[in-house]
Amino acid sequence: MDESRRNYRAFLWHAVFLSITVTFTEVNSVIPAMILQVGGGEIHVGIVTAIMIGVPLVAQLNFAGLLHGQRRKKPALLLGIHLRVLSLALIAGTVMMVRHFTVLQALLVIYGELLLFTLSGAFAGMAYVDLAGKSFQGELRTRFFTRKQIIASIGILISAVTARQILSALEYPATYSTLFAAAAGILLIGTLGFWMIREKPVESGGRRSYLETLRTLPAVLKKDANLRVYLFFINFIGFHTALTPFYVALAAHRYTLDPRVAGNLLFIQIVGMVSASLLWPRVVKPAGFKGILRIWSLLGILLPPLALFIGWILPLPVYLGLFLFTGASISARKVSQEAVIVELSTEENRILYTGIVGTLNLSIVIFPIILGGLIRLIGYVPVFLGVSVLSAAAFFILSRLVCPIDMKDLPLNGGMQI
């Protein structure tokens, strides 16, 4: 079998099982609902959001320096993915035994296990980007990303229905324990794909320490104006990314949030994600990925005040419909973020650019922790409306981002192809 096709099938195998795992451990619905069920409040949702979204972004720059010196990335990928499996199994065990802990003890243990999960995922993810970039080229690479999206959508829908049934049929704590145990087993099966990968060793410039990598940032940022603009954009829109799990917290505050309701909102959010993923090709063709970034910003502007209005005036079934649009927002972030970083960079600096974007995405790193405290201090209304204003700023910053849709026939600096 041709080596590139072997790798192609290996990556698709992993994509099938990863899509199911991601749904069972969804960071914007399942995990916040679990934290609230354990006994946490808004501030604990903020902490777990920072762990799941912010911490891995900061760690990426350190991992970039470490992996830069590795001739082969497959061992790092396997180490990271197996640590993720271990962390999921540990969370399942902790939740099943949660009644033997105090609320604080249970939350601290779960935080530690989620930290292992997210750091190992960031480590594996850096190696994944490098391996995917060099495992297949041209038409095969294009076909891979297209089919990966289709496969992921099918897997997400099936697993969303399954997760909804588990959350509806079982009693707490068996609900979340079963989800995480199943996620561990499914991801373990998915790792078999990575064992099949054949990697050609590549000479590198040697390892860099975190500080050495950090010292390269000023020169890179000075050289690439598009990178600077994109960093401003993701920091302003990042406030809405950090706010997304708090739509669940608002539901718990205004209504009754039990596992059955959590299962329903997860399913609705997944439907929104999948529906949006089918829409994006129609947006990209006339408007480029900048069109998706605009839609993402508009959702960040509209959703917070809409959530406040529905939450204070209308019944729970109407509020659940809001998660169709939070799903679309999550989808916009995932699709555009990957495409922009890949095209913003070159083969030589792709890992470095990924680390830079992650490390300097400060709003997602810091704001989730502050967010829970702010809501407790001043309430949902000013916080949600403030995030809407910051999303509006992100929308206007986009006008300075130079894309092929703006300059179709002119060469761009920095290799920007959004």
Protein backbone atom coordinates (compact mmCIF):
# COMPACT_ATOMS: atom_id res chain seq x y z
CA MET A 1 0.00 0.00 0.00
CA ASP A 2 1.26 3.52 -0.82
CA GLU A 3 2.64 5.17 2.35
CA SER A 4 0.62 8.36 1.98
CA ARG A 5 -2.62 6.41 1.53
CA ARG A 6 -1.80 4.28 4.55
CA ASN A 7 -1.36 7.45 6.62
CA TYR A 8 -4.54 8.90 5.10
CA ARG A 9 -6.59 5.92 6.29
CA ALA A 10 -4.90 5.99 9.70
CA PHE A 11 -5.85 9.64 10.25
CA LEU A 12 -9.44 9.01 9.13
CA TRP A 13 -9.69 6.04 11.52
CA HIS A 14 -8.72 8.30 14.40
CA ALA A 15 -11.14 11.03 13.24
CA VAL A 16 -14.11 8.65 13.54
CA PHE A 17 -13.47 7.81 17.19
CA LEU A 18 -12.24 11.27 18.18
CA SER A 19 -15.55 12.82 17.08
CA ILE A 20 -17.43 10.51 19.46
CA THR A 21 -15.02 11.21 22.33
CA VAL A 22 -15.30 14.98 21.88
CA THR A 23 -19.09 14.81 22.06
CA PHE A 24 -19.08 12.73 25.24
CA THR A 25 -16.75 15.27 26.89
CA GLU A 26 -18.11 18.47 25.30
CA VAL A 27 -16.44 21.44 26.99
CA ASN A 28 -19.32 23.88 26.52
CA SER A 29 -22.16 21.68 27.77
CA VAL A 30 -21.30 18.28 29.29
CA ILE A 31 -18.37 19.38 31.45
CA PRO A 32 -20.01 22.56 32.83
CA ALA A 33 -23.18 20.57 33.58
CA MET A 34 -21.09 17.92 35.37
CA ILE A 35 -19.27 20.56 37.44
CA LEU A 36 -22.60 22.11 38.46
CA GLN A 37 -23.99 18.66 39.32
CA VAL A 38 -20.96 17.89 41.50
CA GLY A 39 -21.76 21.01 43.50
CA GLY A 40 -19.80 23.81 41.81
CA GLY A 41 -21.05 27.24 40.85
CA GLU A 42 -20.32 29.90 38.25
CA ILE A 43 -16.76 30.47 39.44
CA HIS A 44 -16.02 26.75 39.17
CA VAL A 45 -17.38 26.72 35.62
CA GLY A 46 -14.96 29.57 34.91
CA ILE A 47 -12.02 27.63 36.33
CA VAL A 48 -12.81 24.50 34.34
CA THR A 49 -13.25 26.58 31.17
CA ALA A 50 -9.80 28.10 31.69
CA ILE A 51 -8.35 24.62 32.18
CA MET A 52 -10.03 23.17 29.10
CA ILE A 53 -9.58 26.08 26.70
CA GLY A 54 -6.99 28.51 28.04
CA VAL A 55 -4.27 26.31 29.58
CA PRO A 56 -3.56 24.21 26.47
CA LEU A 57 -3.20 27.38 24.40
CA VAL A 58 -0.52 28.74 26.73
CA ALA A 59 1.26 25.38 26.82
CA GLN A 60 1.48 25.21 23.03
CA LEU A 61 4.41 27.62 22.80
CA ASN A 62 6.45 25.52 25.22
CA PHE A 63 5.51 22.36 23.31
CA ALA A 64 6.46 24.11 20.06
CA GLY A 65 10.03 24.59 21.28
CA LEU A 66 10.24 21.02 22.53
CA LEU A 67 8.84 19.38 19.41
CA HIS A 68 10.85 21.59 17.08
CA GLY A 69 13.93 19.54 17.97
CA GLN A 70 12.37 16.12 17.42
CA ARG A 71 13.24 14.28 14.21
CA ARG A 72 10.11 12.15 14.62
CA LYS A 73 6.77 13.41 15.98
CA LYS A 74 4.92 10.07 16.14
CA PRO A 75 6.25 9.09 19.62
CA ALA A 76 5.08 12.44 21.01
CA LEU A 77 1.67 11.96 19.40
CA LEU A 78 1.28 8.48 20.90
CA LEU A 79 2.41 9.63 24.35
CA GLY A 80 -0.05 12.52 24.36
CA ILE A 81 -3.03 10.52 23.11
CA HIS A 82 -2.52 7.67 25.61
CA LEU A 83 -2.26 10.15 28.49
CA ARG A 84 -5.62 11.52 27.33
CA VAL A 85 -7.13 8.05 27.52
CA LEU A 86 -5.75 7.63 31.05
CA SER A 87 -7.15 10.98 32.20
CA LEU A 88 -10.64 10.15 30.89
CA ALA A 89 -10.61 6.85 32.76
CA LEU A 90 -9.53 8.63 35.95
CA ILE A 91 -12.35 11.17 35.65
CA ALA A 92 -14.88 8.35 35.20
CA GLY A 93 -13.64 6.73 38.40
CA THR A 94 -13.68 9.98 40.36
CA VAL A 95 -17.23 10.85 39.35
CA MET A 96 -18.47 7.37 40.24
CA MET A 97 -16.94 7.76 43.73
CA VAL A 98 -17.91 11.43 44.08
CA ARG A 99 -20.09 10.81 47.16
CA HIS A 100 -16.98 9.76 49.10
CA PHE A 101 -15.52 13.27 48.66
CA THR A 102 -16.49 16.71 49.85
CA VAL A 103 -17.51 19.08 47.05
CA LEU A 104 -14.14 20.87 47.25
CA GLN A 105 -12.17 17.62 47.20
CA ALA A 106 -14.14 16.29 44.23
CA LEU A 107 -13.68 19.52 42.27
CA LEU A 108 -9.93 19.65 42.96
CA VAL A 109 -9.42 16.05 41.86
CA ILE A 110 -11.49 16.57 38.69
CA TYR A 111 -9.56 19.78 37.95
CA GLY A 112 -6.29 17.85 38.16
CA GLU A 113 -7.55 15.10 35.87
CA LEU A 114 -8.93 17.62 33.36
CA LEU A 115 -5.58 19.42 33.44
CA LEU A 116 -3.84 16.17 32.47
CA PHE A 117 -6.44 15.64 29.76
CA THR A 118 -6.06 19.08 28.22
CA LEU A 119 -2.26 19.33 28.44
CA SER A 120 -1.74 15.91 26.91
CA GLY A 121 -4.21 16.88 24.19
CA ALA A 122 -2.28 20.07 23.43
CA PHE A 123 0.98 18.10 23.26
CA ALA A 124 -0.55 15.50 20.95
CA GLY A 125 -2.23 18.21 18.89
CA MET A 126 1.05 19.96 18.06
CA ALA A 127 2.52 16.67 16.81
CA TYR A 128 -0.73 15.94 14.93
CA VAL A 129 -0.53 19.20 12.95
CA ASP A 130 3.04 18.46 11.90
CA LEU A 131 2.33 14.83 10.95
CA ALA A 132 -0.82 15.71 9.02
CA GLY A 133 1.07 18.38 7.11
CA LYS A 134 3.78 16.02 5.89
CA SER A 135 1.91 12.69 5.66
CA PHE A 136 0.04 13.53 2.45
CA GLN A 137 0.11 16.36 -0.04
CA GLY A 138 -1.98 17.97 -2.76
CA GLU A 139 -5.30 16.40 -3.69
CA LEU A 140 -5.04 13.72 -1.01
CA ARG A 141 -4.66 16.36 1.72
CA THR A 142 -7.69 18.28 0.40
CA ARG A 143 -9.72 15.07 0.29
CA PHE A 144 -8.63 14.23 3.83
CA PHE A 145 -9.90 17.47 5.36
CA THR A 146 -13.17 17.24 3.42
CA ARG A 147 -13.87 13.64 4.40
CA LYS A 148 -12.69 14.25 7.94
CA GLN A 149 -15.36 16.93 8.33
CA ILE A 150 -18.07 14.65 6.93
CA ILE A 151 -17.02 11.73 9.11
CA ALA A 152 -16.79 13.95 12.18
CA SER A 153 -20.29 15.32 11.55
CA ILE A 154 -21.77 11.82 11.29
CA GLY A 155 -19.90 10.66 14.39
CA ILE A 156 -20.95 13.74 16.35
CA LEU A 157 -24.62 13.27 15.51
CA ILE A 158 -24.63 9.57 16.44
CA SER A 159 -22.71 10.19 19.66
CA ALA A 160 -24.94 13.15 20.58
CA VAL A 161 -28.00 10.89 20.43
CA THR A 162 -26.14 8.25 22.47
CA ALA A 163 -25.01 10.80 25.07
CA ARG A 164 -28.55 12.15 25.35
CA GLN A 165 -29.85 8.62 26.01
CA ILE A 166 -27.18 7.96 28.65
CA LEU A 167 -27.92 11.25 30.44
CA SER A 168 -31.67 10.53 30.33
CA ALA A 169 -31.63 6.83 31.28
CA LEU A 170 -29.09 6.74 34.11
CA GLU A 171 -28.99 8.36 37.52
CA TYR A 172 -26.23 10.67 38.69
CA PRO A 173 -23.32 9.96 39.16
CA ALA A 174 -23.54 6.98 36.77
CA THR A 175 -24.48 9.43 33.98
CA TYR A 176 -21.19 11.32 33.69
CA SER A 177 -19.09 8.38 34.85
CA THR A 178 -20.46 6.27 32.00
CA LEU A 179 -19.87 9.05 29.46
CA PHE A 180 -16.21 9.48 30.44
CA ALA A 181 -15.53 5.74 30.70
CA ALA A 182 -17.02 5.25 27.23
CA ALA A 183 -14.97 8.19 25.92
CA ALA A 184 -11.78 6.59 27.28
CA GLY A 185 -12.52 3.25 25.62
CA ILE A 186 -13.50 4.80 22.30
CA LEU A 187 -10.44 7.06 22.18
CA LEU A 188 -8.22 4.05 22.96
CA ILE A 189 -9.62 2.32 19.86
CA GLY A 190 -8.96 5.51 17.91
CA THR A 191 -5.27 5.47 18.88
CA LEU A 192 -4.81 2.33 16.78
CA GLY A 193 -4.85 4.58 13.73
CA PHE A 194 -1.78 6.45 14.93
CA TRP A 195 0.14 3.21 15.44
CA MET A 196 -0.36 2.60 11.71
CA ILE A 197 1.29 5.87 10.65
CA ARG A 198 4.63 5.66 8.91
CA GLU A 199 6.72 8.75 9.48
CA LYS A 200 9.86 9.85 7.72
CA PRO A 201 12.35 11.40 10.18
CA VAL A 202 13.09 15.05 9.40
CA GLU A 203 16.20 16.94 10.47
CA SER A 204 15.44 19.97 12.61
CA GLY A 205 17.25 22.92 14.09
CA GLY A 206 17.34 21.48 17.58
CA ARG A 207 15.17 21.98 20.63
CA ARG A 208 14.33 25.36 22.01
CA SER A 209 13.51 26.19 25.59
CA TYR A 210 10.32 28.05 26.41
CA LEU A 211 12.28 31.28 26.97
CA GLU A 212 14.19 30.86 23.68
CA THR A 213 10.94 30.38 21.83
CA LEU A 214 9.41 33.33 23.66
CA ARG A 215 12.27 35.59 22.55
CA THR A 216 11.36 34.99 18.91
CA LEU A 217 7.91 36.57 19.34
CA PRO A 218 8.77 40.28 18.90
CA ALA A 219 10.58 39.71 15.60
CA VAL A 220 7.80 37.49 14.23
CA LEU A 221 5.06 39.92 15.24
CA LYS A 222 6.98 42.90 13.82
CA LYS A 223 7.39 41.15 10.48
CA ASP A 224 3.83 39.91 10.00
CA ALA A 225 1.15 42.60 10.26
CA ASN A 226 -1.62 40.13 9.44
CA LEU A 227 -0.61 38.00 12.40
CA ARG A 228 -0.86 41.04 14.67
CA VAL A 229 -4.35 41.88 13.39
CA TYR A 230 -5.48 38.28 13.78
CA LEU A 231 -4.20 38.22 17.36
CA PHE A 232 -6.23 41.34 18.17
CA PHE A 233 -9.29 39.73 16.61
CA ILE A 234 -9.06 36.43 18.49
CA ASN A 235 -8.48 38.22 21.80
CA PHE A 236 -11.64 40.30 21.43
CA ILE A 237 -13.78 37.43 20.13
CA GLY A 238 -12.17 35.20 22.77
CA PHE A 239 -14.32 36.83 25.43
CA HIS A 240 -17.37 35.26 23.80
CA THR A 241 -15.59 31.92 23.50
CA ALA A 242 -14.96 32.08 27.24
CA LEU A 243 -18.59 33.03 27.85
CA THR A 244 -20.06 30.07 25.93
CA PRO A 245 -20.17 27.57 28.85
CA PHE A 246 -21.95 30.20 30.94
CA TYR A 247 -25.04 29.83 28.79
CA VAL A 248 -25.33 26.50 30.64
CA ALA A 249 -24.74 28.27 33.97
CA LEU A 250 -27.47 30.80 33.11
CA ALA A 251 -29.82 27.91 32.34
CA ALA A 252 -29.07 26.43 35.76
CA HIS A 253 -29.64 29.85 37.35
CA ARG A 254 -32.96 30.55 35.67
CA TYR A 255 -34.38 27.03 35.26
CA THR A 256 -33.77 23.51 36.61
CA LEU A 257 -30.73 21.83 35.05
CA ASP A 258 -30.78 18.05 35.54
CA PRO A 259 -28.95 15.43 33.42
CA ARG A 260 -31.98 15.06 31.12
CA VAL A 261 -31.96 18.79 30.31
CA ALA A 262 -28.16 18.67 29.93
CA GLY A 263 -28.58 15.88 27.40
CA ASN A 264 -31.15 17.90 25.45
CA LEU A 265 -29.02 21.04 25.27
CA LEU A 266 -25.99 18.97 24.22
CA PHE A 267 -27.98 17.41 21.40
CA ILE A 268 -29.36 20.76 20.24
CA GLN A 269 -25.90 22.32 20.34
CA ILE A 270 -24.45 19.44 18.29
CA VAL A 271 -27.23 19.86 15.71
CA GLY A 272 -26.25 23.52 15.48
CA MET A 273 -22.58 22.61 15.00
CA VAL A 274 -23.28 20.04 12.29
CA SER A 275 -25.78 22.27 10.46
CA ALA A 276 -23.28 25.13 10.46
CA SER A 277 -20.49 22.87 9.17
CA LEU A 278 -22.66 22.16 6.11
CA LEU A 279 -23.19 25.89 5.63
CA TRP A 280 -19.54 26.99 5.75
CA PRO A 281 -18.55 25.78 2.25
CA ARG A 282 -21.25 28.05 0.82
CA VAL A 283 -19.84 30.95 2.84
CA VAL A 284 -16.18 30.31 2.02
CA LYS A 285 -16.68 30.23 -1.76
CA PRO A 286 -17.83 33.87 -2.14
CA ALA A 287 -16.47 35.40 1.09
CA GLY A 288 -13.42 33.33 2.09
CA PHE A 289 -12.76 32.29 5.66
CA LYS A 290 -13.08 35.95 6.55
CA GLY A 291 -16.81 35.48 5.96
CA ILE A 292 -16.90 32.81 8.67
CA LEU A 293 -14.98 35.11 11.02
CA ARG A 294 -17.62 37.80 10.43
CA ILE A 295 -20.47 35.40 11.19
CA TRP A 296 -18.64 34.25 14.32
CA SER A 297 -18.35 37.90 15.45
CA LEU A 298 -22.03 38.59 14.75
CA LEU A 299 -23.03 35.58 16.84
CA GLY A 300 -20.84 36.94 19.64
CA ILE A 301 -22.68 40.27 19.40
CA LEU A 302 -26.22 38.87 19.29
CA LEU A 303 -26.22 35.77 21.49
CA PRO A 304 -25.45 37.28 24.95
CA PRO A 305 -28.34 39.81 24.96
CA LEU A 306 -30.62 37.22 23.34
CA ALA A 307 -29.79 34.73 26.12
CA LEU A 308 -30.62 37.35 28.76
CA PHE A 309 -33.93 38.21 27.12
CA ILE A 310 -35.02 34.59 26.71
CA GLY A 311 -33.73 33.52 30.13
CA TRP A 312 -35.66 36.24 31.95
CA ILE A 313 -38.85 36.26 29.89
CA LEU A 314 -39.44 32.93 28.13
CA PRO A 315 -39.67 29.25 29.19
CA LEU A 316 -36.89 26.65 29.09
CA PRO A 317 -37.82 25.06 25.70
CA VAL A 318 -37.26 28.41 23.99
CA TYR A 319 -33.95 28.89 25.81
CA LEU A 320 -32.77 25.46 24.64
CA GLY A 321 -33.22 26.65 21.06
CA LEU A 322 -30.44 29.16 21.74
CA PHE A 323 -27.96 26.28 21.74
CA LEU A 324 -28.45 25.84 18.00
CA PHE A 325 -26.61 29.14 17.64
CA THR A 326 -23.97 28.46 20.31
CA GLY A 327 -23.25 25.31 18.32
CA ALA A 328 -22.85 27.39 15.16
CA SER A 329 -20.49 29.73 17.00
CA ILE A 330 -18.37 26.81 18.20
CA SER A 331 -18.28 25.41 14.67
CA ALA A 332 -17.20 28.77 13.24
CA ARG A 333 -14.34 28.93 15.72
CA LYS A 334 -13.13 25.41 15.00
CA VAL A 335 -13.31 25.67 11.22
CA SER A 336 -11.80 29.14 10.82
CA GLN A 337 -9.16 28.76 13.52
CA GLU A 338 -7.58 25.69 11.93
CA ALA A 339 -7.71 27.12 8.41
CA VAL A 340 -6.30 30.52 9.35
CA ILE A 341 -3.33 29.11 11.27
CA VAL A 342 -2.46 26.63 8.52
CA GLU A 343 -2.55 29.30 5.82
CA LEU A 344 -1.12 32.12 7.90
CA SER A 345 2.08 30.12 8.36
CA THR A 346 4.56 28.24 6.21
CA GLU A 347 5.88 24.68 6.48
CA GLU A 348 8.89 25.97 8.45
CA ASN A 349 7.05 28.07 11.05
CA ARG A 350 3.65 26.38 11.36
CA ILE A 351 4.28 24.90 14.82
CA LEU A 352 5.72 28.24 15.99
CA TYR A 353 2.71 30.20 14.70
CA THR A 354 0.34 27.74 16.38
CA GLY A 355 2.19 28.31 19.65
CA ILE A 356 2.16 32.09 19.23
CA VAL A 357 -1.58 32.25 18.52
CA GLY A 358 -2.27 30.00 21.50
CA THR A 359 0.01 31.81 23.94
CA LEU A 360 -1.16 35.31 23.02
CA ASN A 361 -4.87 34.41 23.05
CA LEU A 362 -4.95 35.98 26.49
CA SER A 363 -8.71 36.59 26.76
CA ILE A 364 -9.45 32.84 26.68
CA VAL A 365 -6.60 32.10 29.08
CA ILE A 366 -7.52 34.66 31.76
CA PHE A 367 -11.16 35.68 31.32
CA PRO A 368 -12.91 32.36 32.14
CA ILE A 369 -11.63 32.51 35.73
CA ILE A 370 -12.53 36.19 36.09
CA LEU A 371 -15.89 35.63 34.44
CA GLY A 372 -17.34 33.44 37.18
CA GLY A 373 -16.32 35.96 39.85
CA LEU A 374 -17.67 38.88 37.84
CA ILE A 375 -21.05 37.19 37.44
CA ARG A 376 -21.24 36.59 41.17
CA LEU A 377 -20.20 40.17 41.89
CA ILE A 378 -22.25 42.20 39.40
CA GLY A 379 -24.61 39.64 37.84
CA TYR A 380 -25.27 38.15 34.43
CA VAL A 381 -26.66 41.24 32.69
CA PRO A 382 -23.61 43.58 32.69
CA VAL A 383 -21.19 40.71 31.98
CA PHE A 384 -23.17 39.34 29.03
CA LEU A 385 -23.75 42.83 27.56
CA GLY A 386 -20.06 43.68 28.01
CA VAL A 387 -19.04 40.58 26.06
CA SER A 388 -21.44 41.62 23.29
CA VAL A 389 -19.68 45.00 23.01
CA LEU A 390 -16.24 43.31 22.86
CA SER A 391 -17.49 41.03 20.08
CA ALA A 392 -18.56 44.15 18.18
CA ALA A 393 -14.97 45.40 18.47
CA ALA A 394 -13.75 42.09 17.01
CA PHE A 395 -16.13 42.55 14.07
CA PHE A 396 -14.63 45.94 13.21
CA ILE A 397 -11.04 44.71 13.62
CA LEU A 398 -11.71 42.20 10.82
CA SER A 399 -11.75 45.04 8.29
CA ARG A 400 -7.96 45.34 8.73
CA LEU A 401 -7.29 41.66 8.09
CA VAL A 402 -5.94 41.26 4.53
CA CYS A 403 -7.29 38.15 2.82
CA PRO A 404 -7.40 36.84 -0.76
CA ILE A 405 -11.03 37.91 -0.84
CA ASP A 406 -9.76 41.50 -0.40
CA MET A 407 -6.77 41.28 -2.78
CA LYS A 408 -7.40 38.36 -5.09
CA ASP A 409 -4.60 38.93 -7.53
CA LEU A 410 -1.96 40.63 -5.35
CA PRO A 411 0.83 38.85 -3.42
CA LEU A 412 0.41 38.86 0.34
CA ASN A 413 3.06 39.30 3.01
CA GLY A 414 3.70 36.50 5.46
CA GLY A 415 2.08 33.82 3.33
CA MET A 416 -1.41 34.79 4.44
CA GLN A 417 -4.03 32.75 2.59
CA ILE A 418 -7.21 32.91 4.64
